[in-house]
Amino acid sequence: MTLHDVAREAGVSYATASRALNGSDRIVRADNVSRVRAAAAKLGYAPHLSAQAIARGSTSTAALVVSDIDDPYFSSIAAGVTEAAEAAGLIVTMAVADRSPDLELQIVRTLRGQRPRVIIIAGSRISGTDTRAALIDELDAYRTAGGRVAVVSQEGLPFATLAIDNHGGAQRLASALVEQGYRSFGLIHAADAIRTSHERRTGFVEGLRQVGIGVEACRMIEVPFTRDGGMRGVRTLVERGADDLDLVFAVNDVMAIGAMTALREAGLTPGRDIAVAGFDDIGSAIDVMPPLTTVRVPLRDVGLQAVRMALVADAPEVVRVSTEVVVRASTPRVVAPPQPGARRFHR
């Protein structure tokens, strides 16, 4: 059974039958719509999904592009995207760019051909790449054809953007930790080309400076933006001598959790011998022992907002996402002044 058979049964043209069944925006008279649907029901015809997509200009899907599916940061955002998409009658498909700007661009090109209703790109921009202009061109062409776009943590792209306060959150964390009594820091971060890491690193250093602690009190180690990277960073700190180190700050929670593992491997107890702090407040931050001090990003809400912005925003609006310092047992208050050759004690 074909659409031609339905058109013949209903006494209309093939084009009218197609528009009536496939959801075209072009107006079809109500009586013709009724006749076409009745004919389709009588003949047992079901419209083809690809034909519907062509007629409407999009499918009933929302495409989410993330940097890393293993990172709970992105899975938390994905949970919010899925919730909002389902409420809007959309099904979420997800693609992983593996922190590669070239792969991200290739994914967007492929998605354009698949005609999703919405494309959401979540993940820090990588500085110093030559794909930015091409990515903007692809997304502009997609939007011109009726698609909707939103991006997360990618300021500088001319689309609806959710900008997380990475710098300010790290700055406030540094101030809170100094208030807790900490004075000597290890800072584990990724390459500065990853803007999220750069913003958190510079924000933390700026927070220390504002309370009179210079950068020399902060030993910085560059590692991959992963749990293994956090482990590697602590091993490097320990190899170089960490006897006078009060606290390790890792620029995301998965790195901080890796750092805690490496401290234990070195015979040190996180939160007692060396304090540890992270950033994001992923779900497992409260499950590790001791629970992790961090900066809370409302990740699920970010996903919800991204879908809603994409569906309603016509201008490249930038929405600032605030962050909140959460102090837990991994950074207990310092209760004794440092003694020569001795570690601080914590409550």
Protein backbone atom coordinates (compact mmCIF):
# COMPACT_ATOMS: atom_id res chain seq x y z
CA MET A 1 0.00 0.00 0.00
CA THR A 2 1.41 3.38 -1.05
CA LEU A 3 0.56 7.05 -0.58
CA HIS A 4 -0.58 7.12 -4.23
CA ASP A 5 -3.28 4.57 -3.29
CA VAL A 6 -4.38 6.76 -0.36
CA ALA A 7 -4.56 9.85 -2.59
CA ARG A 8 -6.62 7.95 -5.16
CA GLU A 9 -9.01 6.64 -2.48
CA ALA A 10 -9.46 10.11 -1.00
CA GLY A 11 -9.85 11.79 -4.36
CA VAL A 12 -7.00 14.27 -3.82
CA SER A 13 -3.59 14.86 -5.32
CA TYR A 14 -0.50 13.03 -4.11
CA ALA A 15 0.92 16.31 -2.75
CA THR A 16 -2.23 17.02 -0.72
CA ALA A 17 -2.21 13.51 0.74
CA SER A 18 1.45 13.88 1.66
CA ARG A 19 0.89 17.21 3.41
CA ALA A 20 -2.15 15.91 5.26
CA LEU A 21 -0.39 12.84 6.65
CA ASN A 22 3.18 14.02 7.07
CA GLY A 23 2.55 17.18 9.10
CA SER A 24 3.60 19.82 6.59
CA ASP A 25 3.25 23.44 7.67
CA ARG A 26 1.48 24.20 4.39
CA ILE A 27 -2.27 24.59 4.81
CA VAL A 28 -4.50 21.71 3.77
CA ARG A 29 -8.27 22.14 3.86
CA ALA A 30 -9.85 20.42 6.85
CA ASP A 31 -12.22 18.35 4.71
CA ASN A 32 -9.30 17.08 2.62
CA VAL A 33 -7.36 16.18 5.78
CA SER A 34 -10.34 14.19 7.05
CA ARG A 35 -10.77 12.37 3.74
CA VAL A 36 -7.07 11.52 3.51
CA ARG A 37 -6.91 10.21 7.08
CA ALA A 38 -10.06 8.16 6.56
CA ALA A 39 -8.62 6.69 3.37
CA ALA A 40 -5.33 5.86 5.12
CA ALA A 41 -7.20 4.13 7.94
CA LYS A 42 -9.35 2.18 5.49
CA LEU A 43 -6.34 1.01 3.47
CA GLY A 44 -4.11 0.40 6.51
CA TYR A 45 -1.48 2.91 5.40
CA ALA A 46 1.05 4.35 7.87
CA PRO A 47 3.21 7.34 6.84
CA HIS A 48 6.96 6.84 6.58
CA LEU A 49 8.96 8.63 9.28
CA SER A 50 11.53 9.94 6.79
CA ALA A 51 8.75 11.40 4.67
CA GLN A 52 7.34 13.12 7.74
CA ALA A 53 10.73 14.62 8.51
CA ILE A 54 11.10 15.98 4.98
CA ALA A 55 7.61 17.44 5.00
CA ARG A 56 7.98 19.10 8.39
CA GLY A 57 11.62 20.07 7.96
CA SER A 58 12.61 18.14 11.10
CA THR A 59 12.15 14.93 13.03
CA SER A 60 10.72 14.65 16.54
CA THR A 61 14.18 14.32 18.06
CA ALA A 62 16.52 16.45 20.14
CA ALA A 63 20.21 15.78 19.46
CA LEU A 64 22.65 16.20 22.35
CA VAL A 65 26.39 16.38 21.66
CA VAL A 66 28.59 15.79 24.72
CA SER A 67 32.33 15.61 25.23
CA ASP A 68 32.52 12.44 27.31
CA ILE A 69 29.76 9.95 28.16
CA ASP A 70 31.74 8.47 31.08
CA ASP A 71 31.90 11.79 32.93
CA PRO A 72 28.92 12.21 35.33
CA TYR A 73 28.98 15.93 34.52
CA PHE A 74 27.61 15.16 31.06
CA SER A 75 25.28 12.36 32.12
CA SER A 76 23.68 14.74 34.64
CA ILE A 77 23.14 17.34 31.92
CA ALA A 78 21.77 14.58 29.67
CA ALA A 79 19.22 13.65 32.35
CA GLY A 80 17.87 17.20 32.31
CA VAL A 81 17.85 17.34 28.51
CA THR A 82 15.91 14.07 28.37
CA GLU A 83 13.32 15.27 30.89
CA ALA A 84 12.67 18.55 29.06
CA ALA A 85 12.69 16.89 25.64
CA GLU A 86 10.14 14.29 26.67
CA ALA A 87 7.91 17.05 28.04
CA ALA A 88 8.10 18.69 24.60
CA GLY A 89 7.29 15.43 22.81
CA LEU A 90 10.85 14.87 21.59
CA ILE A 91 13.12 11.84 21.75
CA VAL A 92 16.77 12.42 22.65
CA THR A 93 19.66 11.06 20.62
CA MET A 94 23.19 11.53 21.90
CA ALA A 95 26.59 11.72 20.23
CA VAL A 96 30.02 11.83 21.91
CA ALA A 97 32.66 14.22 20.54
CA ASP A 98 35.46 12.87 22.79
CA ARG A 99 36.71 16.43 23.39
CA SER A 100 37.65 16.67 19.72
CA PRO A 101 36.58 19.88 17.88
CA ASP A 102 36.99 18.07 14.53
CA LEU A 103 34.71 15.23 15.62
CA GLU A 104 32.22 17.71 17.06
CA LEU A 105 32.06 19.47 13.68
CA GLN A 106 31.64 16.17 11.86
CA ILE A 107 28.79 15.18 14.19
CA VAL A 108 26.97 18.46 13.60
CA ARG A 109 27.30 18.03 9.83
CA THR A 110 25.82 14.56 10.10
CA LEU A 111 23.01 15.76 12.36
CA ARG A 112 21.99 18.41 9.84
CA GLY A 113 21.17 15.64 7.39
CA GLN A 114 19.11 13.84 10.03
CA ARG A 115 16.97 16.94 10.68
CA PRO A 116 16.55 16.89 14.48
CA ARG A 117 14.23 19.53 15.88
CA VAL A 118 16.92 20.69 18.33
CA ILE A 119 20.72 20.44 18.57
CA ILE A 120 22.31 21.01 21.98
CA ILE A 121 26.09 21.07 22.32
CA ALA A 122 27.39 20.58 25.87
CA GLY A 123 31.07 20.83 26.69
CA SER A 124 33.86 23.32 27.06
CA ARG A 125 35.17 25.04 23.95
CA ILE A 126 38.71 24.17 22.98
CA SER A 127 40.82 27.27 22.30
CA GLY A 128 43.27 27.49 19.44
CA THR A 129 41.37 25.28 17.00
CA ASP A 130 40.37 26.16 13.43
CA THR A 131 36.88 24.62 13.53
CA ARG A 132 34.97 27.49 15.17
CA ALA A 133 33.99 29.28 11.96
CA ALA A 134 32.97 26.04 10.25
CA LEU A 135 30.90 24.98 13.28
CA ILE A 136 29.08 28.33 13.30
CA ASP A 137 28.39 27.99 9.55
CA GLU A 138 26.96 24.49 10.01
CA LEU A 139 24.75 25.51 12.91
CA ASP A 140 23.63 28.68 11.11
CA ALA A 141 22.61 26.65 8.08
CA TYR A 142 20.75 24.22 10.32
CA ARG A 143 18.98 27.08 12.09
CA THR A 144 18.10 28.78 8.81
CA ALA A 145 16.40 25.55 7.74
CA GLY A 146 14.21 25.69 10.85
CA GLY A 147 16.37 23.93 13.46
CA ARG A 148 16.91 25.20 16.99
CA VAL A 149 20.27 25.44 18.75
CA ALA A 150 21.51 25.84 22.34
CA VAL A 151 25.01 25.45 23.73
CA VAL A 152 26.37 24.87 27.25
CA SER A 153 29.67 26.35 28.49
CA GLN A 154 30.55 27.60 25.01
CA GLU A 155 30.47 31.38 25.24
CA GLY A 156 31.48 33.13 22.05
CA LEU A 157 29.21 31.13 19.76
CA PRO A 158 26.29 33.21 18.39
CA PHE A 159 23.56 30.93 19.73
CA ALA A 160 21.46 30.61 22.87
CA THR A 161 24.05 29.87 25.56
CA LEU A 162 24.10 28.66 29.15
CA ALA A 163 27.31 30.07 30.66
CA ILE A 164 28.39 28.38 33.90
CA ASP A 165 30.17 30.63 36.41
CA ASN A 166 33.37 28.59 36.54
CA HIS A 167 35.71 31.46 37.38
CA GLY A 168 33.55 32.94 40.12
CA GLY A 169 32.80 29.55 41.66
CA ALA A 170 36.49 28.64 41.90
CA GLN A 171 37.28 32.09 43.27
CA ARG A 172 34.72 31.71 46.05
CA LEU A 173 35.98 28.19 46.80
CA ALA A 174 39.53 29.48 47.30
CA SER A 175 38.28 32.15 49.68
CA ALA A 176 36.23 29.61 51.66
CA LEU A 177 39.19 27.24 51.99
CA VAL A 178 41.49 29.98 53.22
CA GLU A 179 38.82 30.88 55.76
CA GLN A 180 38.92 27.20 56.84
CA GLY A 181 42.61 27.70 57.63
CA TYR A 182 44.36 26.33 54.52
CA ARG A 183 47.47 28.05 53.22
CA SER A 184 49.42 25.68 50.92
CA PHE A 185 47.71 24.23 47.85
CA GLY A 186 48.20 21.75 45.05
CA LEU A 187 46.12 22.58 41.97
CA ILE A 188 45.41 19.82 39.45
CA HIS A 189 44.06 21.11 36.15
CA ALA A 190 43.77 20.26 32.47
CA ALA A 191 45.35 22.13 29.56
CA ASP A 192 44.37 25.80 29.42
CA ALA A 193 43.05 25.21 25.89
CA ILE A 194 40.04 23.62 27.64
CA ARG A 195 38.26 26.79 28.69
CA THR A 196 36.37 25.26 31.61
CA SER A 197 39.63 24.14 33.20
CA HIS A 198 41.30 27.48 32.44
CA GLU A 199 38.44 29.45 34.01
CA ARG A 200 38.46 27.31 37.16
CA ARG A 201 42.25 27.38 37.52
CA THR A 202 42.51 31.14 37.09
CA GLY A 203 39.49 31.73 39.31
CA PHE A 204 41.05 29.71 42.13
CA VAL A 205 44.38 31.53 41.85
CA GLU A 206 42.58 34.88 41.79
CA GLY A 207 40.63 33.89 44.90
CA LEU A 208 43.89 33.16 46.72
CA ARG A 209 45.39 36.46 45.61
CA GLN A 210 42.38 38.37 46.91
CA VAL A 211 43.03 37.05 50.42
CA GLY A 212 46.76 37.71 50.26
CA ILE A 213 48.10 34.29 49.18
CA GLY A 214 50.43 34.41 46.18
CA VAL A 215 50.63 31.95 43.33
CA GLU A 216 53.86 30.53 44.77
CA ALA A 217 51.72 28.90 47.49
CA CYS A 218 49.90 26.95 44.80
CA ARG A 219 51.72 24.12 43.01
CA MET A 220 49.98 23.58 39.66
CA ILE A 221 50.06 20.28 37.78
CA GLU A 222 48.61 19.90 34.27
CA VAL A 223 47.05 16.50 33.55
CA PRO A 224 44.19 15.06 31.45
CA PHE A 225 40.66 16.22 32.39
CA THR A 226 39.80 12.75 33.81
CA ARG A 227 39.86 10.61 36.96
CA ASP A 228 43.16 9.09 35.81
CA GLY A 229 44.46 12.61 35.35
CA GLY A 230 43.62 13.39 38.98
CA MET A 231 45.50 10.30 40.11
CA ARG A 232 48.50 11.25 37.98
CA GLY A 233 48.48 14.80 39.38
CA VAL A 234 48.65 13.63 43.00
CA ARG A 235 51.39 11.13 42.21
CA THR A 236 53.40 13.98 40.72
CA LEU A 237 52.80 16.17 43.78
CA VAL A 238 53.86 13.35 46.11
CA GLU A 239 56.98 12.61 44.06
CA ARG A 240 57.97 16.27 44.28
CA GLY A 241 57.32 16.37 48.03
CA ALA A 242 53.93 17.01 49.59
CA ASP A 243 54.84 17.08 53.29
CA ASP A 244 53.90 20.74 53.64
CA LEU A 245 50.84 20.54 51.39
CA ASP A 246 47.53 21.40 53.07
CA LEU A 247 45.03 20.79 50.29
CA VAL A 248 44.63 19.56 46.71
CA PHE A 249 42.08 21.29 44.48
CA ALA A 250 41.16 19.47 41.27
CA VAL A 251 39.19 21.44 38.68
CA ASN A 252 36.45 18.81 38.41
CA ASP A 253 35.05 16.19 40.75
CA VAL A 254 36.14 13.14 38.77
CA MET A 255 39.73 14.40 38.96
CA ALA A 256 39.30 15.06 42.68
CA ILE A 257 38.02 11.52 43.26
CA GLY A 258 41.03 10.19 41.38
CA ALA A 259 43.24 12.39 43.54
CA MET A 260 41.74 10.86 46.69
CA THR A 261 42.52 7.37 45.39
CA ALA A 262 46.12 8.32 44.67
CA LEU A 263 46.52 9.84 48.14
CA ARG A 264 45.44 6.56 49.70
CA GLU A 265 47.89 4.68 47.48
CA ALA A 266 50.61 6.95 48.89
CA GLY A 267 49.61 6.06 52.46
CA LEU A 268 47.82 9.37 53.10
CA THR A 269 44.23 9.80 54.28
CA PRO A 270 42.17 12.38 52.35
CA GLY A 271 40.60 14.90 54.69
CA ARG A 272 43.02 14.08 57.50
CA ASP A 273 46.55 14.20 56.08
CA ILE A 274 45.73 16.28 53.00
CA ALA A 275 42.38 17.91 52.27
CA VAL A 276 40.76 17.60 48.82
CA ALA A 277 38.27 19.77 46.92
CA GLY A 278 36.67 19.51 43.48
CA PHE A 279 34.16 21.24 41.25
CA ASP A 280 30.71 20.27 39.81
CA ASP A 281 29.03 18.39 42.70
CA ILE A 282 28.36 15.22 40.72
CA GLY A 283 26.26 12.57 42.46
CA SER A 284 29.23 10.55 43.70
CA ALA A 285 30.72 13.59 45.48
CA ILE A 286 28.65 12.74 48.56
CA ASP A 287 29.29 8.98 48.27
CA VAL A 288 33.09 9.03 48.51
CA MET A 289 34.78 8.92 51.90
CA PRO A 290 35.14 11.51 53.13
CA PRO A 291 32.36 13.38 51.24
CA LEU A 292 33.90 15.85 48.81
CA THR A 293 33.98 19.61 49.20
CA THR A 294 33.11 21.06 45.82
CA VAL A 295 31.39 23.81 43.84
CA ARG A 296 27.83 22.90 42.95
CA VAL A 297 26.71 23.34 39.34
CA PRO A 298 22.97 22.67 38.84
CA LEU A 299 23.72 20.22 36.05
CA ARG A 300 20.25 18.69 35.63
CA ASP A 301 18.70 22.16 35.55
CA VAL A 302 21.26 23.17 32.93
CA GLY A 303 20.01 20.35 30.70
CA LEU A 304 16.38 21.35 31.28
CA GLN A 305 17.11 24.98 30.50
CA ALA A 306 19.10 24.15 27.38
CA VAL A 307 16.12 22.44 25.75
CA ARG A 308 13.71 25.19 26.78
CA MET A 309 16.05 27.90 25.48
CA ALA A 310 16.53 26.11 22.20
CA LEU A 311 12.80 25.82 21.66
CA VAL A 312 11.92 29.43 22.47
CA ALA A 313 14.99 31.63 21.98
CA ASP A 314 15.21 33.46 18.65
CA ALA A 315 18.20 35.61 19.65
CA PRO A 316 21.67 34.47 20.82
CA GLU A 317 20.78 35.01 24.47
CA VAL A 318 23.38 34.23 27.16
CA VAL A 319 22.03 32.97 30.49
CA ARG A 320 24.47 32.95 33.42
CA VAL A 321 24.36 29.83 35.60
CA SER A 322 25.37 30.53 39.19
CA THR A 323 27.47 28.11 41.24
CA GLU A 324 27.62 27.44 44.98
CA VAL A 325 30.46 26.35 47.28
CA VAL A 326 29.58 23.23 49.27
CA VAL A 327 31.94 22.45 52.16
CA ARG A 328 32.05 18.81 53.26
CA ALA A 329 34.28 16.54 55.34
CA SER A 330 37.12 16.33 52.80
CA THR A 331 38.17 19.84 53.90
CA PRO A 332 37.77 19.99 57.70
CA ARG A 333 38.59 23.22 59.45
CA VAL A 334 42.23 23.62 60.47
CA VAL A 335 42.33 23.75 64.28
CA ALA A 336 46.06 23.98 65.01
CA PRO A 337 48.75 26.23 63.56
CA PRO A 338 51.39 24.55 61.41
CA GLN A 339 54.38 23.22 63.34
CA PRO A 340 57.85 22.98 61.77
CA GLY A 341 58.14 19.58 60.15
CA ALA A 342 54.62 18.56 61.20
CA ARG A 343 51.35 18.37 59.32
CA ARG A 344 48.33 20.43 60.33
CA PHE A 345 45.66 18.66 62.32
CA HIS A 346 42.01 18.91 61.46
CA ARG A 347 38.86 18.37 63.40
